[in-house]
Amino acid sequence: MVILVFFVVHWYLSLFVQTFYLHRYAAHKMFTMNPFWEKAFYLLTYMAQGSSFLSPRAYAILHRMHHAFSDTEKDPHSPHFSNNAFTMMWKTKNIYNNVLHNRVEAERRFEGDYPVWGALEKVGDSYYSRIGWGVFYVVFYIAFATQWWMFLLLPFHFLMGPVHGAIVNWSGHKYGYQNFDNNDKSRNSLFFDFLTGGELFQNNHHKLPNRVNFGVKWWEVDPTWPVIWTLNKLHIIKLKSAKVKVKAPRQNSQAAA
């Protein structure tokens, strides 16, 4: 029981920082926050992702590339140019590392307006940190696992961030329905995206990239949106005042093959 609780907490905490901080804040700046909270959520991102910590800067640049080149050969993670989710994410890893370590120069339009904390990023990307978090997960399982099969969950802890990315980018561009014609293959995979915190409303998000609530139709539930709404009411973040005009979704949604 302890192991399952630990797994679920790690899954959703890591998922939250990825969709809230890395995606909606670092990549899109859908809302603002003061320097204290920016650093606090940066630290939370490091702790929640642990061994699979993702740099907000590199994440933001790759995600902006993803929008600009969606489902083309220049897309860092389109499932339509990879044989499977593993090869897709291996390609993403290589591009990510090149951007992270400045081996390539990103286009100017993808740079800037993302949180930077050099010292913590250096720690998070170090082998000492990644291995240290991995050892922590293993020791925790040794202490609390009651069945052998529980140890099969360990790889998910090691690669939590990339696992979420693989699910979103593979499923969200292959399976589901479309509200909008975005000239790409983005799709909405779930009506209530409990699995990835709203990230599987890819078709909606590619049409309306600055809309904080990824759900568009009344029955599309983005579970991260109420959290963001609450943080705004508590003055921890500040939603941008400009309202996004949403055109009515097309009536005949396409079902996935």
Protein backbone atom coordinates (compact mmCIF):
# COMPACT_ATOMS: atom_id res chain seq x y z
CA MET A 1 0.00 0.00 0.00
CA VAL A 2 2.81 2.42 0.89
CA ILE A 3 4.51 1.75 -2.46
CA LEU A 4 1.34 2.38 -4.45
CA VAL A 5 0.70 5.64 -2.59
CA PHE A 6 4.31 6.68 -3.20
CA PHE A 7 3.98 5.88 -6.91
CA VAL A 8 0.72 7.80 -7.33
CA VAL A 9 2.06 10.83 -5.41
CA HIS A 10 5.26 10.87 -7.47
CA TRP A 11 3.30 10.45 -10.73
CA TYR A 12 0.93 13.33 -10.10
CA LEU A 13 3.41 15.67 -8.42
CA SER A 14 5.85 15.24 -11.30
CA LEU A 15 2.97 15.62 -13.74
CA PHE A 16 1.80 18.82 -12.06
CA VAL A 17 5.16 20.59 -12.24
CA GLN A 18 5.53 19.57 -15.88
CA THR A 19 2.15 20.86 -17.02
CA PHE A 20 1.94 23.85 -14.64
CA TYR A 21 5.52 25.09 -14.45
CA LEU A 22 7.42 23.75 -17.45
CA HIS A 23 4.61 23.86 -20.00
CA ARG A 24 2.09 26.55 -19.11
CA TYR A 25 4.54 28.88 -17.34
CA ALA A 26 8.05 28.38 -18.79
CA ALA A 27 7.07 27.63 -22.39
CA HIS A 28 3.91 29.74 -22.76
CA LYS A 29 3.89 32.28 -19.91
CA MET A 30 0.14 31.90 -19.55
CA PHE A 31 0.42 33.59 -16.15
CA THR A 32 3.01 35.47 -14.11
CA MET A 33 4.45 35.04 -10.63
CA ASN A 34 6.89 36.98 -8.47
CA PRO A 35 10.57 35.93 -8.14
CA PHE A 36 9.94 34.13 -4.84
CA TRP A 37 7.26 31.85 -6.25
CA GLU A 38 9.19 31.34 -9.47
CA LYS A 39 12.12 29.98 -7.47
CA ALA A 40 9.81 27.99 -5.17
CA PHE A 41 8.15 26.20 -8.10
CA TYR A 42 11.55 25.74 -9.76
CA LEU A 43 12.73 23.94 -6.62
CA LEU A 44 9.51 21.92 -6.48
CA THR A 45 10.07 20.91 -10.11
CA TYR A 46 13.54 19.62 -9.26
CA MET A 47 12.29 17.69 -6.22
CA ALA A 48 9.21 16.27 -7.96
CA GLN A 49 11.02 15.12 -11.09
CA GLY A 50 14.10 13.96 -9.22
CA SER A 51 16.26 11.75 -11.43
CA SER A 52 14.38 12.88 -14.57
CA PHE A 53 14.62 16.62 -13.89
CA LEU A 54 14.01 18.72 -17.01
CA SER A 55 15.52 22.17 -17.49
CA PRO A 56 12.78 24.84 -17.82
CA ARG A 57 14.89 26.64 -20.44
CA ALA A 58 15.49 23.57 -22.62
CA TYR A 59 11.91 22.40 -22.15
CA ALA A 60 10.55 25.81 -23.21
CA ILE A 61 12.71 25.95 -26.34
CA LEU A 62 11.80 22.42 -27.45
CA HIS A 63 8.12 23.00 -26.78
CA ARG A 64 8.12 26.22 -28.81
CA MET A 65 9.81 24.29 -31.63
CA HIS A 66 7.08 21.64 -31.30
CA HIS A 67 4.38 24.25 -31.88
CA ALA A 68 6.19 25.92 -34.75
CA PHE A 69 6.97 22.65 -36.56
CA SER A 70 4.10 20.47 -35.36
CA ASP A 71 4.13 17.04 -37.02
CA THR A 72 6.82 17.95 -39.55
CA GLU A 73 10.35 16.59 -39.76
CA LYS A 74 11.56 19.53 -37.65
CA ASP A 75 9.21 18.66 -34.79
CA PRO A 76 11.34 17.45 -31.83
CA HIS A 77 8.75 14.82 -30.91
CA SER A 78 6.21 13.93 -33.57
CA PRO A 79 5.10 10.28 -33.57
CA HIS A 80 4.72 10.45 -37.34
CA PHE A 81 8.46 10.50 -37.93
CA SER A 82 9.37 7.70 -35.51
CA ASN A 83 8.66 3.98 -35.51
CA ASN A 84 7.57 3.89 -31.87
CA ALA A 85 7.42 5.97 -28.69
CA PHE A 86 10.90 4.89 -27.63
CA THR A 87 12.63 6.06 -30.80
CA MET A 88 10.61 9.27 -30.69
CA MET A 89 11.75 10.07 -27.16
CA TRP A 90 15.35 9.07 -27.96
CA LYS A 91 15.28 11.64 -30.74
CA THR A 92 13.81 14.16 -28.29
CA LYS A 93 16.52 13.36 -25.74
CA ASN A 94 19.26 14.10 -28.25
CA ILE A 95 17.72 17.41 -29.30
CA TYR A 96 17.10 18.31 -25.65
CA ASN A 97 20.72 17.64 -24.68
CA ASN A 98 22.01 19.67 -27.64
CA VAL A 99 19.88 22.62 -26.57
CA LEU A 100 20.65 22.19 -22.88
CA HIS A 101 24.42 22.14 -23.42
CA ASN A 102 24.37 24.82 -26.13
CA ARG A 103 25.70 22.48 -28.81
CA VAL A 104 23.23 24.01 -31.25
CA GLU A 105 21.94 27.54 -31.51
CA ALA A 106 18.17 27.72 -31.21
CA GLU A 107 16.25 30.13 -33.39
CA ARG A 108 15.92 33.54 -31.79
CA ARG A 109 12.13 33.34 -31.66
CA PHE A 110 12.33 30.34 -29.33
CA GLU A 111 14.68 31.98 -26.85
CA GLY A 112 13.94 34.09 -23.75
CA ASP A 113 11.12 34.67 -21.28
CA TYR A 114 11.63 31.46 -19.31
CA PRO A 115 12.81 30.92 -15.71
CA VAL A 116 16.55 30.47 -15.22
CA TRP A 117 18.32 29.26 -12.08
CA GLY A 118 21.76 28.23 -13.19
CA ALA A 119 22.97 26.69 -9.93
CA LEU A 120 19.93 24.46 -9.46
CA GLU A 121 19.87 23.49 -13.13
CA LYS A 122 23.51 22.43 -12.90
CA VAL A 123 22.73 20.31 -9.84
CA GLY A 124 19.60 18.80 -11.39
CA ASP A 125 21.42 17.78 -14.55
CA SER A 126 24.42 16.28 -12.74
CA TYR A 127 25.02 12.52 -12.53
CA TYR A 128 25.35 12.87 -8.77
CA SER A 129 21.81 14.19 -8.49
CA ARG A 130 20.24 11.76 -10.95
CA ILE A 131 21.96 8.74 -9.42
CA GLY A 132 21.24 10.02 -5.91
CA TRP A 133 17.52 10.26 -6.60
CA GLY A 134 17.62 6.81 -8.19
CA VAL A 135 19.26 5.35 -5.09
CA PHE A 136 16.58 7.01 -2.95
CA TYR A 137 13.80 5.36 -4.97
CA VAL A 138 15.47 1.94 -4.74
CA VAL A 139 16.06 2.22 -0.97
CA PHE A 140 12.45 3.31 -0.47
CA TYR A 141 11.21 0.24 -2.36
CA ILE A 142 13.53 -2.08 -0.45
CA ALA A 143 12.16 -0.67 2.80
CA PHE A 144 8.46 -0.76 1.93
CA ALA A 145 7.80 -3.13 -0.99
CA THR A 146 5.79 -6.18 0.05
CA GLN A 147 5.54 -7.94 -3.34
CA TRP A 148 8.22 -8.59 -5.97
CA TRP A 149 6.14 -7.05 -8.78
CA MET A 150 6.25 -3.66 -7.08
CA PHE A 151 9.88 -3.33 -8.16
CA LEU A 152 8.65 -3.25 -11.76
CA LEU A 153 7.44 0.29 -11.04
CA LEU A 154 10.96 1.57 -10.37
CA PRO A 155 11.81 2.42 -14.02
CA PHE A 156 8.84 4.80 -14.05
CA HIS A 157 10.33 6.69 -11.11
CA PHE A 158 13.72 6.91 -12.83
CA LEU A 159 12.19 8.35 -16.04
CA MET A 160 9.01 10.03 -14.81
CA GLY A 161 9.38 13.24 -16.85
CA PRO A 162 10.15 11.52 -20.17
CA VAL A 163 7.39 8.96 -19.54
CA HIS A 164 4.83 11.75 -19.28
CA GLY A 165 6.26 13.37 -22.40
CA ALA A 166 6.11 10.10 -24.34
CA ILE A 167 2.45 9.51 -23.43
CA VAL A 168 1.40 13.05 -24.33
CA ASN A 169 3.30 13.40 -27.59
CA TRP A 170 2.60 9.89 -28.90
CA SER A 171 -1.05 9.56 -27.93
CA GLY A 172 -1.90 13.26 -28.35
CA HIS A 173 -0.84 13.23 -32.00
CA LYS A 174 -2.19 9.80 -32.97
CA TYR A 175 -5.31 8.81 -31.04
CA GLY A 176 -8.58 10.55 -30.30
CA TYR A 177 -10.83 13.19 -31.82
CA GLN A 178 -10.33 16.68 -33.25
CA ASN A 179 -12.29 19.83 -32.49
CA PHE A 180 -10.18 21.96 -34.83
CA ASP A 181 -8.34 21.65 -38.11
CA ASN A 182 -4.84 22.80 -37.12
CA ASN A 183 -3.02 21.59 -40.24
CA ASP A 184 -1.32 18.98 -38.08
CA LYS A 185 -2.26 15.65 -36.52
CA SER A 186 -2.92 16.84 -32.96
CA ARG A 187 -5.82 15.13 -31.20
CA ASN A 188 -7.71 15.11 -27.92
CA SER A 189 -7.26 11.63 -26.46
CA LEU A 190 -9.50 11.80 -23.37
CA PHE A 191 -12.68 13.63 -22.36
CA PHE A 192 -11.46 13.81 -18.75
CA ASP A 193 -7.69 13.79 -18.81
CA PHE A 194 -7.03 12.34 -15.37
CA LEU A 195 -3.92 10.57 -16.68
CA THR A 196 -1.79 13.55 -17.76
CA GLY A 197 -3.43 16.55 -16.13
CA GLY A 198 -5.01 18.06 -19.25
CA GLU A 199 -2.01 17.56 -21.53
CA LEU A 200 -3.89 15.12 -23.75
CA PHE A 201 -6.12 17.92 -25.07
CA GLN A 202 -3.44 18.43 -27.72
CA ASN A 203 -5.80 19.44 -30.52
CA ASN A 204 -7.35 22.18 -28.39
CA HIS A 205 -3.95 23.35 -27.19
CA HIS A 206 -2.43 23.57 -30.67
CA LYS A 207 -5.38 25.67 -31.80
CA LEU A 208 -5.34 27.89 -28.71
CA PRO A 209 -1.75 27.75 -27.37
CA ASN A 210 -2.25 30.58 -24.87
CA ARG A 211 -5.52 29.35 -23.40
CA VAL A 212 -4.90 28.31 -19.79
CA ASN A 213 -7.79 25.86 -19.62
CA PHE A 214 -7.02 23.15 -22.16
CA GLY A 215 -10.63 21.98 -22.23
CA VAL A 216 -12.85 23.79 -24.77
CA LYS A 217 -16.15 21.94 -24.83
CA TRP A 218 -18.17 21.83 -21.62
CA TRP A 219 -17.50 18.11 -21.13
CA GLU A 220 -13.73 18.39 -21.60
CA VAL A 221 -12.23 18.45 -18.11
CA ASP A 222 -8.72 19.81 -17.62
CA PRO A 223 -7.94 18.93 -13.96
CA THR A 224 -5.00 21.36 -13.79
CA TRP A 225 -7.21 24.35 -14.57
CA PRO A 226 -8.99 24.46 -11.15
CA VAL A 227 -5.57 24.36 -9.44
CA ILE A 228 -4.37 27.30 -11.54
CA TRP A 229 -7.62 29.17 -10.88
CA THR A 230 -7.13 28.64 -7.13
CA LEU A 231 -3.49 29.76 -7.19
CA ASN A 232 -4.61 32.90 -9.01
CA LYS A 233 -7.29 33.61 -6.38
CA LEU A 234 -4.64 33.15 -3.66
CA HIS A 235 -2.42 35.70 -5.50
CA ILE A 236 0.38 33.15 -5.85
CA ILE A 237 0.20 33.56 -9.62
CA LYS A 238 -1.52 36.15 -11.80
CA LEU A 239 -3.47 35.13 -14.86
CA LYS A 240 -3.10 37.42 -17.83
CA SER A 241 -6.12 39.67 -18.21
CA ALA A 242 -6.41 39.40 -21.98
CA LYS A 243 -9.15 36.94 -22.84
CA VAL A 244 -8.62 34.44 -25.62
CA LYS A 245 -11.44 34.37 -28.14
CA VAL A 246 -12.48 30.80 -28.78
CA LYS A 247 -14.11 30.03 -32.10
CA ALA A 248 -16.79 27.39 -32.00
CA PRO A 249 -15.32 23.93 -32.54
CA ARG A 250 -16.37 22.20 -35.72
CA GLN A 251 -19.44 20.04 -35.34
CA ASN A 252 -18.21 16.82 -36.92
CA SER A 253 -15.35 15.58 -34.78
CA GLN A 254 -13.04 13.05 -36.41
CA ALA A 255 -12.64 9.78 -34.62
CA ALA A 256 -9.27 8.10 -34.49
CA ALA A 257 -8.69 5.22 -36.80
